[in-house]
PDB file of N, CA and C in Angstrom:
ATOM      1  N   UNK A   1     103.860 -47.947 -52.929  1.00  0.00           N
ATOM      2  CA  UNK A   1     103.973 -49.423 -52.840  1.00  0.00           C
ATOM      3  C   UNK A   1     105.654 -48.820 -54.000  1.00  0.00           C
ATOM      4  N   UNK A   2     106.764 -50.030 -53.233  1.00  0.00           N
ATOM      5  CA  UNK A   2     107.608 -49.253 -54.060  1.00  0.00           C
ATOM      6  C   UNK A   2     107.898 -50.051 -55.831  1.00  0.00           C
ATOM      7  N   UNK A   3     108.995 -49.593 -56.204  1.00  0.00           N
ATOM      8  CA  UNK A   3     109.046 -50.093 -57.591  1.00  0.00           C
ATOM      9  C   UNK A   3     109.063 -51.603 -57.759  1.00  0.00           C
ATOM     10  N   UNK A   4     109.951 -52.018 -57.092  1.00  0.00           N
ATOM     11  CA  UNK A   4     110.467 -53.430 -56.610  1.00  0.00           C
ATOM     12  C   UNK A   4     109.121 -54.342 -56.360  1.00  0.00           C
ATOM     13  N   UNK A   5     108.703 -53.842 -55.471  1.00  0.00           N
ATOM     14  CA  UNK A   5     107.483 -55.109 -55.337  1.00  0.00           C
ATOM     15  C   UNK A   5     106.029 -54.749 -56.110  1.00  0.00           C
ATOM     16  N   UNK A   6     106.295 -53.391 -57.036  1.00  0.00           N
ATOM     17  CA  UNK A   6     105.626 -53.245 -58.284  1.00  0.00           C
ATOM     18  C   UNK A   6     105.948 -54.339 -59.030  1.00  0.00           C
ATOM     19  N   UNK A   7     107.336 -54.665 -59.304  1.00  0.00           N
ATOM     20  CA  UNK A   7     107.992 -55.551 -60.295  1.00  0.00           C
ATOM     21  C   UNK A   7     107.762 -56.477 -60.059  1.00  0.00           C
ATOM     22  N   UNK A   8     107.543 -56.968 -58.680  1.00  0.00           N
ATOM     23  CA  UNK A   8     107.311 -58.170 -58.016  1.00  0.00           C
ATOM     24  C   UNK A   8     105.963 -58.876 -58.262  1.00  0.00           C
ATOM     25  N   UNK A   9     105.548 -58.106 -57.820  1.00  0.00           N
ATOM     26  CA  UNK A   9     103.766 -58.785 -58.438  1.00  0.00           C
ATOM     27  C   UNK A   9     103.742 -58.330 -59.658  1.00  0.00           C
ATOM     28  N   UNK A  10     104.386 -57.737 -60.424  1.00  0.00           N
ATOM     29  CA  UNK A  10     103.793 -57.897 -62.092  1.00  0.00           C
ATOM     30  C   UNK A  10     104.586 -59.761 -62.310  1.00  0.00           C
ATOM     31  N   UNK A  11     105.961 -59.606 -61.925  1.00  0.00           N
ATOM     32  CA  UNK A  11     106.337 -60.841 -62.092  1.00  0.00           C
ATOM     33  C   UNK A  11     105.796 -62.236 -61.334  1.00  0.00           C
ATOM     34  N   UNK A  12     104.947 -62.250 -60.205  1.00  0.00           N
ATOM     35  CA  UNK A  12     104.273 -63.021 -59.767  1.00  0.00           C
ATOM     36  C   UNK A  12     103.176 -63.633 -60.810  1.00  0.00           C
ATOM     37  N   UNK A  13     102.565 -62.176 -61.617  1.00  0.00           N
ATOM     38  CA  UNK A  13     101.693 -62.692 -62.525  1.00  0.00           C
ATOM     39  C   UNK A  13     101.837 -63.095 -63.657  1.00  0.00           C
ATOM     40  N   UNK A  14     103.015 -62.726 -63.882  1.00  0.00           N
ATOM     41  CA  UNK A  14     103.690 -63.197 -65.460  1.00  0.00           C
ATOM     42  C   UNK A  14     104.323 -64.945 -64.721  1.00  0.00           C
ATOM     43  N   UNK A  15     104.676 -65.609 -64.199  1.00  0.00           N
ATOM     44  CA  UNK A  15     105.167 -66.757 -63.825  1.00  0.00           C
ATOM     45  C   UNK A  15     104.166 -67.456 -63.936  1.00  0.00           C
ATOM     46  N   UNK A  16     102.656 -67.259 -63.518  1.00  0.00           N
ATOM     47  CA  UNK A  16     101.302 -67.536 -63.784  1.00  0.00           C
ATOM     48  C   UNK A  16     101.266 -68.194 -65.600  1.00  0.00           C
ATOM     49  N   UNK A  17     101.621 -67.313 -66.463  1.00  0.00           N
ATOM     50  CA  UNK A  17     101.037 -67.143 -67.845  1.00  0.00           C
ATOM     51  C   UNK A  17     102.696 -67.998 -68.716  1.00  0.00           C
ATOM     52  N   UNK A  18     103.799 -68.560 -67.991  1.00  0.00           N
ATOM     53  CA  UNK A  18     105.319 -68.524 -68.810  1.00  0.00           C
ATOM     54  C   UNK A  18     104.281 -69.801 -69.982  1.00  0.00           C
ATOM     55  N   UNK A  19     104.931 -69.580 -71.313  1.00  0.00           N
ATOM     56  CA  UNK A  19     104.333 -70.794 -72.093  1.00  0.00           C
ATOM     57  C   UNK A  19     104.351 -71.939 -71.865  1.00  0.00           C
ATOM     58  N   UNK A  20     105.768 -72.535 -70.758  1.00  0.00           N
ATOM     59  CA  UNK A  20     106.024 -73.370 -70.644  1.00  0.00           C
ATOM     60  C   UNK A  20     106.444 -73.568 -69.092  1.00  0.00           C
ATOM     61  N   UNK A  21     105.637 -75.519 -68.654  1.00  0.00           N
ATOM     62  CA  UNK A  21     106.711 -75.274 -66.852  1.00  0.00           C
ATOM     63  C   UNK A  21     107.938 -74.900 -67.009  1.00  0.00           C
ATOM     64  N   UNK A  22     108.310 -74.365 -66.217  1.00  0.00           N
ATOM     65  CA  UNK A  22     109.495 -74.637 -65.823  1.00  0.00           C
ATOM     66  C   UNK A  22     110.201 -76.127 -64.934  1.00  0.00           C
ATOM     67  N   UNK A  23     111.148 -76.759 -65.290  1.00  0.00           N
ATOM     68  CA  UNK A  23     111.763 -77.886 -64.233  1.00  0.00           C
ATOM     69  C   UNK A  23     111.401 -78.016 -62.717  1.00  0.00           C
ATOM     70  N   UNK A  24     111.627 -79.095 -62.371  1.00  0.00           N
ATOM     71  CA  UNK A  24     111.466 -79.178 -60.858  1.00  0.00           C
ATOM     72  C   UNK A  24     112.050 -78.311 -59.713  1.00  0.00           C
ATOM     73  N   UNK A  25     113.646 -78.749 -60.549  1.00  0.00           N
ATOM     74  CA  UNK A  25     114.543 -76.886 -60.042  1.00  0.00           C
ATOM     75  C   UNK A  25     114.357 -76.045 -60.019  1.00  0.00           C
ATOM     76  N   UNK A  26     113.948 -75.525 -60.708  1.00  0.00           N
ATOM     77  CA  UNK A  26     112.968 -74.127 -61.208  1.00  0.00           C
ATOM     78  C   UNK A  26     112.337 -73.060 -60.905  1.00  0.00           C
ATOM     79  N   UNK A  27     111.428 -74.260 -60.775  1.00  0.00           N
ATOM     80  CA  UNK A  27     110.078 -73.994 -59.799  1.00  0.00           C
ATOM     81  C   UNK A  27     110.544 -74.253 -57.954  1.00  0.00           C
ATOM     82  N   UNK A  28     111.018 -74.989 -57.771  1.00  0.00           N
ATOM     83  CA  UNK A  28     111.630 -75.001 -56.340  1.00  0.00           C
ATOM     84  C   UNK A  28     112.662 -73.500 -55.796  1.00  0.00           C
ATOM     85  N   UNK A  29     112.865 -72.669 -57.302  1.00  0.00           N
ATOM     86  CA  UNK A  29     114.061 -71.712 -56.774  1.00  0.00           C
ATOM     87  C   UNK A  29     112.909 -70.397 -56.753  1.00  0.00           C
ATOM     88  N   UNK A  30     111.853 -70.483 -57.717  1.00  0.00           N
ATOM     89  CA  UNK A  30     110.864 -69.897 -57.536  1.00  0.00           C
ATOM     90  C   UNK A  30     109.846 -69.990 -56.475  1.00  0.00           C
ATOM     91  N   UNK A  31     109.997 -70.909 -56.172  1.00  0.00           N
ATOM     92  CA  UNK A  31     108.643 -71.202 -55.028  1.00  0.00           C
ATOM     93  C   UNK A  31     109.548 -70.271 -53.240  1.00  0.00           C
ATOM     94  N   UNK A  32     111.161 -70.326 -53.339  1.00  0.00           N
ATOM     95  CA  UNK A  32     111.866 -69.440 -52.299  1.00  0.00           C
ATOM     96  C   UNK A  32     112.164 -68.719 -52.099  1.00  0.00           C
ATOM     97  N   UNK A  33     112.315 -68.014 -53.465  1.00  0.00           N
ATOM     98  CA  UNK A  33     112.501 -66.540 -53.775  1.00  0.00           C
ATOM     99  C   UNK A  33     111.051 -65.925 -53.403  1.00  0.00           C
ATOM    100  N   UNK A  34     110.038 -66.255 -53.656  1.00  0.00           N
ATOM    101  CA  UNK A  34     108.531 -65.674 -53.528  1.00  0.00           C
ATOM    102  C   UNK A  34     108.850 -66.457 -52.214  1.00  0.00           C
ATOM    103  N   UNK A  35     109.051 -66.797 -51.310  1.00  0.00           N
ATOM    104  CA  UNK A  35     108.391 -66.985 -49.906  1.00  0.00           C
ATOM    105  C   UNK A  35     109.219 -66.138 -49.155  1.00  0.00           C
ATOM    106  N   UNK A  36     110.543 -65.952 -49.533  1.00  0.00           N
ATOM    107  CA  UNK A  36     111.317 -65.242 -48.858  1.00  0.00           C
ATOM    108  C   UNK A  36     111.432 -64.017 -49.065  1.00  0.00           C
ATOM    109  N   UNK A  37     110.915 -63.321 -50.260  1.00  0.00           N
ATOM    110  CA  UNK A  37     110.427 -62.316 -50.933  1.00  0.00           C
ATOM    111  C   UNK A  37     109.023 -61.866 -50.096  1.00  0.00           C
ATOM    112  N   UNK A  38     108.382 -62.608 -49.902  1.00  0.00           N
ATOM    113  CA  UNK A  38     106.934 -62.365 -49.164  1.00  0.00           C
ATOM    114  C   UNK A  38     106.175 -62.447 -47.971  1.00  0.00           C
ATOM    115  N   UNK A  39     107.732 -62.909 -47.261  1.00  0.00           N
ATOM    116  CA  UNK A  39     107.193 -63.632 -45.834  1.00  0.00           C
ATOM    117  C   UNK A  39     108.882 -63.093 -45.191  1.00  0.00           C
ATOM    118  N   UNK A  40     109.885 -63.058 -45.513  1.00  0.00           N
ATOM    119  CA  UNK A  40     111.293 -62.983 -45.183  1.00  0.00           C
ATOM    120  C   UNK A  40     111.707 -64.792 -44.906  1.00  0.00           C
ATOM    121  N   UNK A  41     112.494 -64.796 -43.913  1.00  0.00           N
ATOM    122  CA  UNK A  41     113.234 -65.943 -43.016  1.00  0.00           C
ATOM    123  C   UNK A  41     111.546 -67.124 -43.023  1.00  0.00           C
ATOM    124  N   UNK A  42     112.010 -68.185 -43.004  1.00  0.00           N
ATOM    125  CA  UNK A  42     111.239 -69.752 -42.502  1.00  0.00           C
ATOM    126  C   UNK A  42     111.272 -69.743 -41.280  1.00  0.00           C
ATOM    127  N   UNK A  43     109.740 -69.998 -40.993  1.00  0.00           N
ATOM    128  CA  UNK A  43     110.127 -70.468 -39.917  1.00  0.00           C
ATOM    129  C   UNK A  43     109.756 -72.102 -39.427  1.00  0.00           C
ATOM    130  N   UNK A  44     109.183 -72.726 -38.239  1.00  0.00           N
ATOM    131  CA  UNK A  44     108.782 -73.568 -38.474  1.00  0.00           C
ATOM    132  C   UNK A  44     109.477 -74.844 -38.198  1.00  0.00           C
ATOM    133  N   UNK A  45     109.256 -75.921 -38.260  1.00  0.00           N
ATOM    134  CA  UNK A  45     109.235 -76.937 -38.349  1.00  0.00           C
ATOM    135  C   UNK A  45     109.758 -77.980 -40.025  1.00  0.00           C
ATOM    136  N   UNK A  46     110.642 -78.628 -40.236  1.00  0.00           N
ATOM    137  CA  UNK A  46     110.856 -79.278 -41.348  1.00  0.00           C
ATOM    138  C   UNK A  46     109.722 -80.308 -41.606  1.00  0.00           C
ATOM    139  N   UNK A  47     108.920 -80.485 -42.931  1.00  0.00           N
ATOM    140  CA  UNK A  47     108.329 -81.201 -42.829  1.00  0.00           C
ATOM    141  C   UNK A  47     108.610 -82.731 -42.940  1.00  0.00           C
ATOM    142  N   UNK A  48     107.579 -83.705 -42.774  1.00  0.00           N
ATOM    143  CA  UNK A  48     108.366 -85.187 -42.415  1.00  0.00           C
ATOM    144  C   UNK A  48     108.944 -85.796 -43.696  1.00  0.00           C
ATOM    145  N   UNK A  49     109.549 -87.026 -43.026  1.00  0.00           N
ATOM    146  CA  UNK A  49     109.802 -87.844 -44.361  1.00  0.00           C
ATOM    147  C   UNK A  49     109.058 -88.042 -45.074  1.00  0.00           C
ATOM    148  N   UNK A  50     107.213 -88.691 -44.984  1.00  0.00           N
ATOM    149  CA  UNK A  50     106.580 -89.017 -45.686  1.00  0.00           C
ATOM    150  C   UNK A  50     106.214 -88.208 -46.942  1.00  0.00           C
ATOM    151  N   UNK A  51     106.917 -86.394 -46.480  1.00  0.00           N
ATOM    152  CA  UNK A  51     105.432 -85.422 -47.448  1.00  0.00           C
ATOM    153  C   UNK A  51     106.813 -84.943 -48.309  1.00  0.00           C
ATOM    154  N   UNK A  52     107.361 -85.063 -48.972  1.00  0.00           N
ATOM    155  CA  UNK A  52     108.113 -85.010 -50.147  1.00  0.00           C
ATOM    156  C   UNK A  52     108.313 -83.782 -50.643  1.00  0.00           C
ATOM    157  N   UNK A  53     107.561 -83.224 -50.866  1.00  0.00           N
ATOM    158  CA  UNK A  53     107.337 -81.910 -51.660  1.00  0.00           C
ATOM    159  C   UNK A  53     107.499 -81.318 -50.514  1.00  0.00           C
ATOM    160  N   UNK A  54     106.833 -81.579 -49.581  1.00  0.00           N
ATOM    161  CA  UNK A  54     107.108 -80.308 -48.511  1.00  0.00           C
ATOM    162  C   UNK A  54     108.228 -79.892 -48.665  1.00  0.00           C
ATOM    163  N   UNK A  55     108.974 -80.797 -47.884  1.00  0.00           N
ATOM    164  CA  UNK A  55     110.229 -81.126 -47.198  1.00  0.00           C
ATOM    165  C   UNK A  55     111.134 -80.696 -48.062  1.00  0.00           C
ATOM    166  N   UNK A  56     110.939 -80.308 -49.896  1.00  0.00           N
ATOM    167  CA  UNK A  56     111.813 -79.635 -50.829  1.00  0.00           C
ATOM    168  C   UNK A  56     111.543 -78.340 -50.890  1.00  0.00           C
ATOM    169  N   UNK A  57     109.922 -77.909 -50.602  1.00  0.00           N
ATOM    170  CA  UNK A  57     110.254 -76.484 -50.603  1.00  0.00           C
ATOM    171  C   UNK A  57     110.601 -75.661 -48.965  1.00  0.00           C
ATOM    172  N   UNK A  58     110.297 -76.983 -48.451  1.00  0.00           N
ATOM    173  CA  UNK A  58     111.060 -76.152 -47.315  1.00  0.00           C
ATOM    174  C   UNK A  58     112.468 -76.053 -47.060  1.00  0.00           C
ATOM    175  N   UNK A  59     113.124 -77.051 -47.883  1.00  0.00           N
ATOM    176  CA  UNK A  59     114.845 -76.651 -48.271  1.00  0.00           C
ATOM    177  C   UNK A  59     114.893 -75.549 -48.432  1.00  0.00           C
ATOM    178  N   UNK A  60     114.133 -75.932 -49.781  1.00  0.00           N
ATOM    179  CA  UNK A  60     114.659 -74.429 -50.589  1.00  0.00           C
ATOM    180  C   UNK A  60     114.455 -73.093 -50.521  1.00  0.00           C
ATOM    181  N   UNK A  61     113.527 -72.745 -49.512  1.00  0.00           N
ATOM    182  CA  UNK A  61     113.849 -71.929 -48.446  1.00  0.00           C
ATOM    183  C   UNK A  61     113.935 -71.739 -47.998  1.00  0.00           C
ATOM    184  N   UNK A  62     114.806 -72.803 -46.728  1.00  0.00           N
ATOM    185  CA  UNK A  62     115.707 -72.290 -45.877  1.00  0.00           C
ATOM    186  C   UNK A  62     117.152 -72.004 -46.825  1.00  0.00           C
ATOM    187  N   UNK A  63     117.179 -72.297 -47.577  1.00  0.00           N
ATOM    188  CA  UNK A  63     118.606 -72.073 -47.950  1.00  0.00           C
ATOM    189  C   UNK A  63     118.745 -70.523 -48.057  1.00  0.00           C
ATOM    190  N   UNK A  64     117.395 -69.889 -48.162  1.00  0.00           N
ATOM    191  CA  UNK A  64     117.989 -68.439 -48.163  1.00  0.00           C
ATOM    192  C   UNK A  64     117.795 -67.316 -47.000  1.00  0.00           C
ATOM    193  N   UNK A  65     117.579 -68.493 -46.464  1.00  0.00           N
ATOM    194  CA  UNK A  65     117.620 -67.554 -44.552  1.00  0.00           C
ATOM    195  C   UNK A  65     118.549 -66.806 -44.500  1.00  0.00           C
ATOM    196  N   UNK A  66     118.327 -65.107 -44.109  1.00  0.00           N
ATOM    197  CA  UNK A  66     118.933 -64.461 -44.153  1.00  0.00           C
ATOM    198  C   UNK A  66     119.316 -63.299 -45.152  1.00  0.00           C
ATOM    199  N   UNK A  67     118.837 -63.684 -46.389  1.00  0.00           N
ATOM    200  CA  UNK A  67     118.617 -62.975 -47.649  1.00  0.00           C
ATOM    201  C   UNK A  67     117.508 -62.021 -47.553  1.00  0.00           C
ATOM    202  N   UNK A  68     117.961 -60.712 -47.365  1.00  0.00           N
ATOM    203  CA  UNK A  68     117.036 -59.786 -47.601  1.00  0.00           C
ATOM    204  C   UNK A  68     115.510 -59.959 -48.271  1.00  0.00           C
ATOM    205  N   UNK A  69     114.800 -59.932 -48.142  1.00  0.00           N
ATOM    206  CA  UNK A  69     113.315 -59.979 -48.544  1.00  0.00           C
ATOM    207  C   UNK A  69     113.695 -58.337 -49.985  1.00  0.00           C
ATOM    208  N   UNK A  70     114.113 -57.927 -49.815  1.00  0.00           N
ATOM    209  CA  UNK A  70     114.718 -56.996 -50.924  1.00  0.00           C
ATOM    210  C   UNK A  70     115.273 -57.645 -52.159  1.00  0.00           C
ATOM    211  N   UNK A  71     116.217 -58.707 -51.401  1.00  0.00           N
ATOM    212  CA  UNK A  71     116.932 -59.023 -52.166  1.00  0.00           C
ATOM    213  C   UNK A  71     116.644 -60.372 -53.168  1.00  0.00           C
ATOM    214  N   UNK A  72     115.448 -60.883 -52.284  1.00  0.00           N
ATOM    215  CA  UNK A  72     114.615 -62.184 -52.875  1.00  0.00           C
ATOM    216  C   UNK A  72     113.976 -61.844 -54.369  1.00  0.00           C
ATOM    217  N   UNK A  73     113.227 -60.604 -53.689  1.00  0.00           N
ATOM    218  CA  UNK A  73     112.121 -60.355 -54.472  1.00  0.00           C
ATOM    219  C   UNK A  73     113.313 -60.379 -56.188  1.00  0.00           C
ATOM    220  N   UNK A  74     114.218 -59.273 -56.471  1.00  0.00           N
ATOM    221  CA  UNK A  74     115.200 -59.112 -57.294  1.00  0.00           C
ATOM    222  C   UNK A  74     115.187 -60.605 -57.800  1.00  0.00           C
ATOM    223  N   UNK A  75     115.030 -61.261 -56.940  1.00  0.00           N
ATOM    224  CA  UNK A  75     116.201 -62.345 -57.616  1.00  0.00           C
ATOM    225  C   UNK A  75     114.718 -63.337 -58.349  1.00  0.00           C
ATOM    226  N   UNK A  76     113.977 -62.816 -57.704  1.00  0.00           N
ATOM    227  CA  UNK A  76     112.731 -63.672 -58.124  1.00  0.00           C
ATOM    228  C   UNK A  76     111.722 -63.199 -59.680  1.00  0.00           C
ATOM    229  N   UNK A  77     112.380 -61.311 -59.326  1.00  0.00           N
ATOM    230  CA  UNK A  77     111.779 -61.111 -60.553  1.00  0.00           C
ATOM    231  C   UNK A  77     112.707 -61.228 -61.348  1.00  0.00           C
ATOM    232  N   UNK A  78     114.352 -61.362 -60.997  1.00  0.00           N
ATOM    233  CA  UNK A  78     115.124 -61.807 -62.734  1.00  0.00           C
ATOM    234  C   UNK A  78     114.755 -63.217 -63.232  1.00  0.00           C
ATOM    235  N   UNK A  79     114.654 -64.402 -62.342  1.00  0.00           N
ATOM    236  CA  UNK A  79     114.332 -65.572 -62.517  1.00  0.00           C
ATOM    237  C   UNK A  79     112.744 -65.848 -63.591  1.00  0.00           C
ATOM    238  N   UNK A  80     112.192 -65.034 -62.852  1.00  0.00           N
ATOM    239  CA  UNK A  80     111.203 -64.711 -64.401  1.00  0.00           C
ATOM    240  C   UNK A  80     111.141 -64.620 -65.555  1.00  0.00           C
ATOM    241  N   UNK A  81     112.181 -63.422 -65.286  1.00  0.00           N
ATOM    242  CA  UNK A  81     112.278 -62.536 -66.717  1.00  0.00           C
ATOM    243  C   UNK A  81     112.893 -63.495 -67.455  1.00  0.00           C
ATOM    244  N   UNK A  82     113.918 -64.240 -67.046  1.00  0.00           N
ATOM    245  CA  UNK A  82     114.666 -64.983 -67.667  1.00  0.00           C
ATOM    246  C   UNK A  82     113.617 -66.065 -68.284  1.00  0.00           C
ATOM    247  N   UNK A  83     112.775 -66.825 -67.739  1.00  0.00           N
ATOM    248  CA  UNK A  83     112.040 -67.880 -68.125  1.00  0.00           C
ATOM    249  C   UNK A  83     111.021 -67.623 -69.263  1.00  0.00           C
ATOM    250  N   UNK A  84     110.535 -65.828 -69.131  1.00  0.00           N
ATOM    251  CA  UNK A  84     109.503 -65.271 -70.103  1.00  0.00           C
ATOM    252  C   UNK A  84     110.506 -65.486 -71.592  1.00  0.00           C
ATOM    253  N   UNK A  85     112.088 -65.239 -71.740  1.00  0.00           N
ATOM    254  CA  UNK A  85     112.774 -65.211 -72.490  1.00  0.00           C
ATOM    255  C   UNK A  85     112.889 -66.613 -73.206  1.00  0.00           C
ATOM    256  N   UNK A  86     112.697 -67.324 -72.630  1.00  0.00           N
ATOM    257  CA  UNK A  86     113.178 -68.786 -72.755  1.00  0.00           C
ATOM    258  C   UNK A  86     112.075 -69.112 -73.564  1.00  0.00           C
TER     259      UNK A  86
END
């Protein structure tokens, strides 16, 4: 496992132990970076208008389409680190 992958997994664990819950925009950014970093580009159809949370998550992830997985992993690690310091 690469160093980045190890730091990514550590950040995933650390994100579950944050002292305070991040705001909604930050949670969406965390979600998008996690999904892009672990799965790559988004696939599938956008959820229907009645699924507001699903649509927000889909849209956040879709914004990162084309971002290399390594870059998304690093963004996730950096974001979790900044939240730990807050």
